[in-house]
Amino acid sequence: MTHNEPVWMTRKAYIGLHMQLATLRAGVGGEVSKSANGRDDVVAEHHAWQVRINRLHDLIANAMVGEDPPDDGLAEPGMVLTVRYDDTGETEPFLLGVRGVEDADIEVYSPQSPLGSAIVGARPGEQRRYCNPNGVKRYVTLLSAAPYGTYVLTSKPDQPVSARRPKSAAA
């Protein structure tokens, strides 16, 4: 499963992926022992191990690291989006990023998720429709979009600036 689309992520997530990849490559999961003699569970475990290594490699190869998108209000990866679920009136902020990779103190939705794919490209005030995993159609309105770095700076004012926002660096 190789793709060439850029994937936004924080420097912390990028480093974490490198550590996971190194651990997997050094681990025993990569070798199917001769004594396993083709046992289905061992073969399946080896396949899952290899799929995870390939996924990590793809994420790392396509990573856009430490660069916030422009603060133009457009819903895109790397932005903290605040949406209103129109049927309930509830609001939710979330990071549009790589789910399961980001160690953020906020919910993370992937741009490929139903909500993420519906909201990408929206501007504040725009309403979008998506189907949740149960197949229920929902309407959501984008209230705001701000770069993750700005969110981190404003959500943790008691930390020194150097601890709140990683310096931008090329990957």
C-alpha atoms as a PDB file:
ATOM      1  CA  MET A   1       0.000   0.000   0.000  1.00  0.00           C
ATOM      2  CA  THR A   2       2.261   2.743  -1.228  1.00  0.00           C
ATOM      3  CA  HIS A   3       1.019   6.236  -1.867  1.00  0.00           C
ATOM      4  CA  ASN A   4       2.794   9.472  -2.662  1.00  0.00           C
ATOM      5  CA  GLU A   5       0.460  12.015  -1.073  1.00  0.00           C
ATOM      6  CA  PRO A   6       2.166  14.325   1.426  1.00  0.00           C
ATOM      7  CA  VAL A   7       1.184  13.561   5.014  1.00  0.00           C
ATOM      8  CA  TRP A   8       1.277  16.375   7.586  1.00  0.00           C
ATOM      9  CA  MET A   9       2.642  15.449  11.013  1.00  0.00           C
ATOM     10  CA  THR A  10       4.402  16.986  13.964  1.00  0.00           C
ATOM     11  CA  ARG A  11       8.120  16.485  14.532  1.00  0.00           C
ATOM     12  CA  LYS A  12       7.286  14.436  17.646  1.00  0.00           C
ATOM     13  CA  ALA A  13       5.139  12.052  15.578  1.00  0.00           C
ATOM     14  CA  TYR A  14       7.845  11.812  12.910  1.00  0.00           C
ATOM     15  CA  ILE A  15      10.483  10.860  15.466  1.00  0.00           C
ATOM     16  CA  GLY A  16       8.068   8.376  17.038  1.00  0.00           C
ATOM     17  CA  LEU A  17       7.513   6.702  13.658  1.00  0.00           C
ATOM     18  CA  HIS A  18      11.269   6.355  13.149  1.00  0.00           C
ATOM     19  CA  MET A  19      11.579   4.738  16.583  1.00  0.00           C
ATOM     20  CA  GLN A  20       8.716   2.325  15.848  1.00  0.00           C
ATOM     21  CA  LEU A  21      10.241   1.408  12.507  1.00  0.00           C
ATOM     22  CA  ALA A  22      13.664   0.768  14.051  1.00  0.00           C
ATOM     23  CA  THR A  23      12.093  -1.375  16.762  1.00  0.00           C
ATOM     24  CA  LEU A  24      10.122  -3.422  14.238  1.00  0.00           C
ATOM     25  CA  ARG A  25      13.113  -3.913  11.977  1.00  0.00           C
ATOM     26  CA  ALA A  26      15.259  -5.057  14.903  1.00  0.00           C
ATOM     27  CA  GLY A  27      12.550  -7.324  16.319  1.00  0.00           C
ATOM     28  CA  VAL A  28      12.016 -11.004  15.951  1.00  0.00           C
ATOM     29  CA  GLY A  29       8.741 -10.538  14.089  1.00  0.00           C
ATOM     30  CA  GLY A  30      10.542 -10.332  10.782  1.00  0.00           C
ATOM     31  CA  GLU A  31      11.813 -13.864  10.719  1.00  0.00           C
ATOM     32  CA  VAL A  32       9.472 -16.771  10.194  1.00  0.00           C
ATOM     33  CA  SER A  33      11.190 -19.610  11.978  1.00  0.00           C
ATOM     34  CA  LYS A  34      11.803 -22.867  10.162  1.00  0.00           C
ATOM     35  CA  SER A  35      10.116 -24.699  13.035  1.00  0.00           C
ATOM     36  CA  ALA A  36       6.891 -22.819  12.341  1.00  0.00           C
ATOM     37  CA  ASN A  37       6.551 -25.031   9.273  1.00  0.00           C
ATOM     38  CA  GLY A  38       4.027 -22.765   7.561  1.00  0.00           C
ATOM     39  CA  ARG A  39       1.637 -22.476  10.517  1.00  0.00           C
ATOM     40  CA  ASP A  40      -1.095 -20.035   9.579  1.00  0.00           C
ATOM     41  CA  ASP A  41      -0.829 -17.972  12.787  1.00  0.00           C
ATOM     42  CA  VAL A  42       2.906 -17.454  12.376  1.00  0.00           C
ATOM     43  CA  VAL A  43       2.578 -16.596   8.696  1.00  0.00           C
ATOM     44  CA  ALA A  44      -0.259 -14.146   9.482  1.00  0.00           C
ATOM     45  CA  GLU A  45       1.824 -12.535  12.226  1.00  0.00           C
ATOM     46  CA  HIS A  46       4.775 -12.138   9.852  1.00  0.00           C
ATOM     47  CA  HIS A  47       2.497 -10.622   7.208  1.00  0.00           C
ATOM     48  CA  ALA A  48       1.041  -8.123   9.712  1.00  0.00           C
ATOM     49  CA  TRP A  49       4.590  -7.217  10.813  1.00  0.00           C
ATOM     50  CA  GLN A  50       5.615  -6.563   7.198  1.00  0.00           C
ATOM     51  CA  VAL A  51       2.470  -4.525   6.467  1.00  0.00           C
ATOM     52  CA  ARG A  52       3.168  -2.345   9.531  1.00  0.00           C
ATOM     53  CA  ILE A  53       6.781  -1.770   8.421  1.00  0.00           C
ATOM     54  CA  ASN A  54       5.597  -0.792   4.920  1.00  0.00           C
ATOM     55  CA  ARG A  55       2.957   1.574   6.368  1.00  0.00           C
ATOM     56  CA  LEU A  56       5.526   3.271   8.628  1.00  0.00           C
ATOM     57  CA  HIS A  57       7.960   3.565   5.747  1.00  0.00           C
ATOM     58  CA  ASP A  58       5.278   5.197   3.550  1.00  0.00           C
ATOM     59  CA  LEU A  59       4.321   7.658   6.286  1.00  0.00           C
ATOM     60  CA  ILE A  60       7.947   8.641   6.871  1.00  0.00           C
ATOM     61  CA  ALA A  61       8.741   8.920   3.158  1.00  0.00           C
ATOM     62  CA  ASN A  62       5.787  11.244   2.539  1.00  0.00           C
ATOM     63  CA  ALA A  63       5.942  13.244   5.761  1.00  0.00           C
ATOM     64  CA  MET A  64       5.629  17.012   5.807  1.00  0.00           C
ATOM     65  CA  VAL A  65       7.198  17.679   9.183  1.00  0.00           C
ATOM     66  CA  GLY A  66       6.944  20.667  11.475  1.00  0.00           C
ATOM     67  CA  GLU A  67       5.501  23.045   8.902  1.00  0.00           C
ATOM     68  CA  ASP A  68       2.162  24.535   9.796  1.00  0.00           C
ATOM     69  CA  PRO A  69      -0.179  25.185   6.906  1.00  0.00           C
ATOM     70  CA  PRO A  70      -0.964  28.861   6.257  1.00  0.00           C
ATOM     71  CA  ASP A  71      -3.340  30.507   8.729  1.00  0.00           C
ATOM     72  CA  ASP A  72      -5.939  31.178   6.042  1.00  0.00           C
ATOM     73  CA  GLY A  73      -8.954  29.496   7.655  1.00  0.00           C
ATOM     74  CA  LEU A  74      -8.999  26.664   5.119  1.00  0.00           C
ATOM     75  CA  ALA A  75      -9.658  23.173   6.517  1.00  0.00           C
ATOM     76  CA  GLU A  76      -6.597  21.087   5.644  1.00  0.00           C
ATOM     77  CA  PRO A  77      -4.167  18.665   7.318  1.00  0.00           C
ATOM     78  CA  GLY A  78      -2.224  20.297  10.134  1.00  0.00           C
ATOM     79  CA  MET A  79      -5.145  22.496  11.153  1.00  0.00           C
ATOM     80  CA  VAL A  80      -7.179  22.361  14.349  1.00  0.00           C
ATOM     81  CA  LEU A  81     -10.757  22.553  13.171  1.00  0.00           C
ATOM     82  CA  THR A  82     -13.730  23.439  15.312  1.00  0.00           C
ATOM     83  CA  VAL A  83     -16.989  22.136  13.916  1.00  0.00           C
ATOM     84  CA  ARG A  84     -20.613  22.287  14.982  1.00  0.00           C
ATOM     85  CA  TYR A  85     -22.744  19.194  14.509  1.00  0.00           C
ATOM     86  CA  ASP A  86     -25.874  20.845  13.157  1.00  0.00           C
ATOM     87  CA  ASP A  87     -28.319  18.209  14.424  1.00  0.00           C
ATOM     88  CA  THR A  88     -27.222  18.564  18.081  1.00  0.00           C
ATOM     89  CA  GLY A  89     -25.572  21.987  18.199  1.00  0.00           C
ATOM     90  CA  GLU A  90     -22.524  20.420  19.880  1.00  0.00           C
ATOM     91  CA  THR A  91     -19.104  21.715  18.918  1.00  0.00           C
ATOM     92  CA  GLU A  92     -15.874  19.759  18.709  1.00  0.00           C
ATOM     93  CA  PRO A  93     -12.300  20.812  18.059  1.00  0.00           C
ATOM     94  CA  PHE A  94     -10.015  18.253  16.424  1.00  0.00           C
ATOM     95  CA  LEU A  95      -6.699  18.043  14.609  1.00  0.00           C
ATOM     96  CA  LEU A  96      -6.872  17.014  10.975  1.00  0.00           C
ATOM     97  CA  GLY A  97      -3.870  14.711  10.811  1.00  0.00           C
ATOM     98  CA  VAL A  98      -2.701  11.113  10.969  1.00  0.00           C
ATOM     99  CA  ARG A  99      -4.841   9.216  13.447  1.00  0.00           C
ATOM    100  CA  GLY A 100      -2.873   6.830  15.624  1.00  0.00           C
ATOM    101  CA  VAL A 101       0.384   8.659  14.946  1.00  0.00           C
ATOM    102  CA  GLU A 102      -0.072  12.052  16.556  1.00  0.00           C
ATOM    103  CA  ASP A 103       0.383  12.235  20.309  1.00  0.00           C
ATOM    104  CA  ALA A 104      -1.827  15.300  20.571  1.00  0.00           C
ATOM    105  CA  ASP A 105      -3.891  16.453  23.532  1.00  0.00           C
ATOM    106  CA  ILE A 106      -6.834  16.800  21.150  1.00  0.00           C
ATOM    107  CA  GLU A 107      -8.857  14.330  19.091  1.00  0.00           C
ATOM    108  CA  VAL A 108      -7.268  13.528  15.710  1.00  0.00           C
ATOM    109  CA  TYR A 109      -9.251  12.738  12.565  1.00  0.00           C
ATOM    110  CA  SER A 110      -7.673  11.593   9.345  1.00  0.00           C
ATOM    111  CA  PRO A 111      -8.398  13.467   6.105  1.00  0.00           C
ATOM    112  CA  GLN A 112      -9.542  10.062   4.791  1.00  0.00           C
ATOM    113  CA  SER A 113     -12.126   9.586   7.568  1.00  0.00           C
ATOM    114  CA  PRO A 114     -15.772  10.325   6.703  1.00  0.00           C
ATOM    115  CA  LEU A 115     -15.749  13.636   8.609  1.00  0.00           C
ATOM    116  CA  GLY A 116     -12.216  14.528   7.498  1.00  0.00           C
ATOM    117  CA  SER A 117     -12.870  13.963   3.817  1.00  0.00           C
ATOM    118  CA  ALA A 118     -16.106  15.954   3.992  1.00  0.00           C
ATOM    119  CA  ILE A 119     -14.569  18.965   5.744  1.00  0.00           C
ATOM    120  CA  VAL A 120     -11.282  19.256   3.807  1.00  0.00           C
ATOM    121  CA  GLY A 121     -11.311  22.461   1.782  1.00  0.00           C
ATOM    122  CA  ALA A 122     -14.106  24.095   3.785  1.00  0.00           C
ATOM    123  CA  ARG A 123     -13.915  27.658   5.058  1.00  0.00           C
ATOM    124  CA  PRO A 124     -15.495  28.943   8.287  1.00  0.00           C
ATOM    125  CA  GLY A 125     -19.261  29.113   7.951  1.00  0.00           C
ATOM    126  CA  GLU A 126     -19.465  26.372   5.304  1.00  0.00           C
ATOM    127  CA  GLN A 127     -21.735  23.415   5.963  1.00  0.00           C
ATOM    128  CA  ARG A 128     -20.760  19.939   4.798  1.00  0.00           C
ATOM    129  CA  ARG A 129     -22.532  16.586   4.831  1.00  0.00           C
ATOM    130  CA  TYR A 130     -20.978  13.216   5.634  1.00  0.00           C
ATOM    131  CA  CYS A 131     -22.081   9.729   6.622  1.00  0.00           C
ATOM    132  CA  ASN A 132     -20.862   8.468   9.979  1.00  0.00           C
ATOM    133  CA  PRO A 133     -19.644   4.851  10.286  1.00  0.00           C
ATOM    134  CA  ASN A 134     -23.231   3.731  11.050  1.00  0.00           C
ATOM    135  CA  GLY A 135     -24.402   5.164   7.723  1.00  0.00           C
ATOM    136  CA  VAL A 136     -26.263   8.080   9.303  1.00  0.00           C
ATOM    137  CA  LYS A 137     -26.026  11.326   7.305  1.00  0.00           C
ATOM    138  CA  ARG A 138     -24.902  14.270   9.411  1.00  0.00           C
ATOM    139  CA  TYR A 139     -24.421  17.938   8.682  1.00  0.00           C
ATOM    140  CA  VAL A 140     -21.494  19.784  10.152  1.00  0.00           C
ATOM    141  CA  THR A 141     -20.483  23.442   9.925  1.00  0.00           C
ATOM    142  CA  LEU A 142     -16.866  24.568  10.103  1.00  0.00           C
ATOM    143  CA  LEU A 143     -16.599  27.272  12.760  1.00  0.00           C
ATOM    144  CA  SER A 144     -12.841  27.866  12.704  1.00  0.00           C
ATOM    145  CA  ALA A 145      -9.549  26.507  11.402  1.00  0.00           C
ATOM    146  CA  ALA A 146      -6.165  27.358  12.901  1.00  0.00           C
ATOM    147  CA  PRO A 147      -2.703  25.840  12.416  1.00  0.00           C
ATOM    148  CA  TYR A 148      -1.816  23.226  15.038  1.00  0.00           C
ATOM    149  CA  GLY A 149       1.216  25.258  16.146  1.00  0.00           C
ATOM    150  CA  THR A 150      -1.046  28.205  16.951  1.00  0.00           C
ATOM    151  CA  TYR A 151      -3.394  25.902  18.865  1.00  0.00           C
ATOM    152  CA  VAL A 152      -0.478  24.530  20.903  1.00  0.00           C
ATOM    153  CA  LEU A 153       0.745  28.043  21.703  1.00  0.00           C
ATOM    154  CA  THR A 154      -2.638  29.255  22.877  1.00  0.00           C
ATOM    155  CA  SER A 155      -3.770  26.087  24.665  1.00  0.00           C
ATOM    156  CA  LYS A 156      -0.711  25.758  26.933  1.00  0.00           C
ATOM    157  CA  PRO A 157       0.213  29.303  27.971  1.00  0.00           C
ATOM    158  CA  ASP A 158       2.026  28.156  31.143  1.00  0.00           C
ATOM    159  CA  GLN A 159       4.809  26.403  29.190  1.00  0.00           C
ATOM    160  CA  PRO A 160       7.863  28.205  27.790  1.00  0.00           C
ATOM    161  CA  VAL A 161       7.547  28.887  24.064  1.00  0.00           C
ATOM    162  CA  SER A 162      10.431  26.515  23.235  1.00  0.00           C
ATOM    163  CA  ALA A 163       8.519  23.628  24.854  1.00  0.00           C
ATOM    164  CA  ARG A 164       5.229  24.491  23.182  1.00  0.00           C
ATOM    165  CA  ARG A 165       6.182  24.703  19.548  1.00  0.00           C
ATOM    166  CA  PRO A 166       8.904  22.733  17.764  1.00  0.00           C
ATOM    167  CA  LYS A 167      11.147  24.709  15.479  1.00  0.00           C
ATOM    168  CA  SER A 168      10.301  24.263  11.823  1.00  0.00           C
ATOM    169  CA  ALA A 169      12.765  21.968  10.116  1.00  0.00           C
ATOM    170  CA  ALA A 170      12.955  20.167   6.800  1.00  0.00           C
ATOM    171  CA  ALA A 171      12.544  16.407   6.923  1.00  0.00           C
END
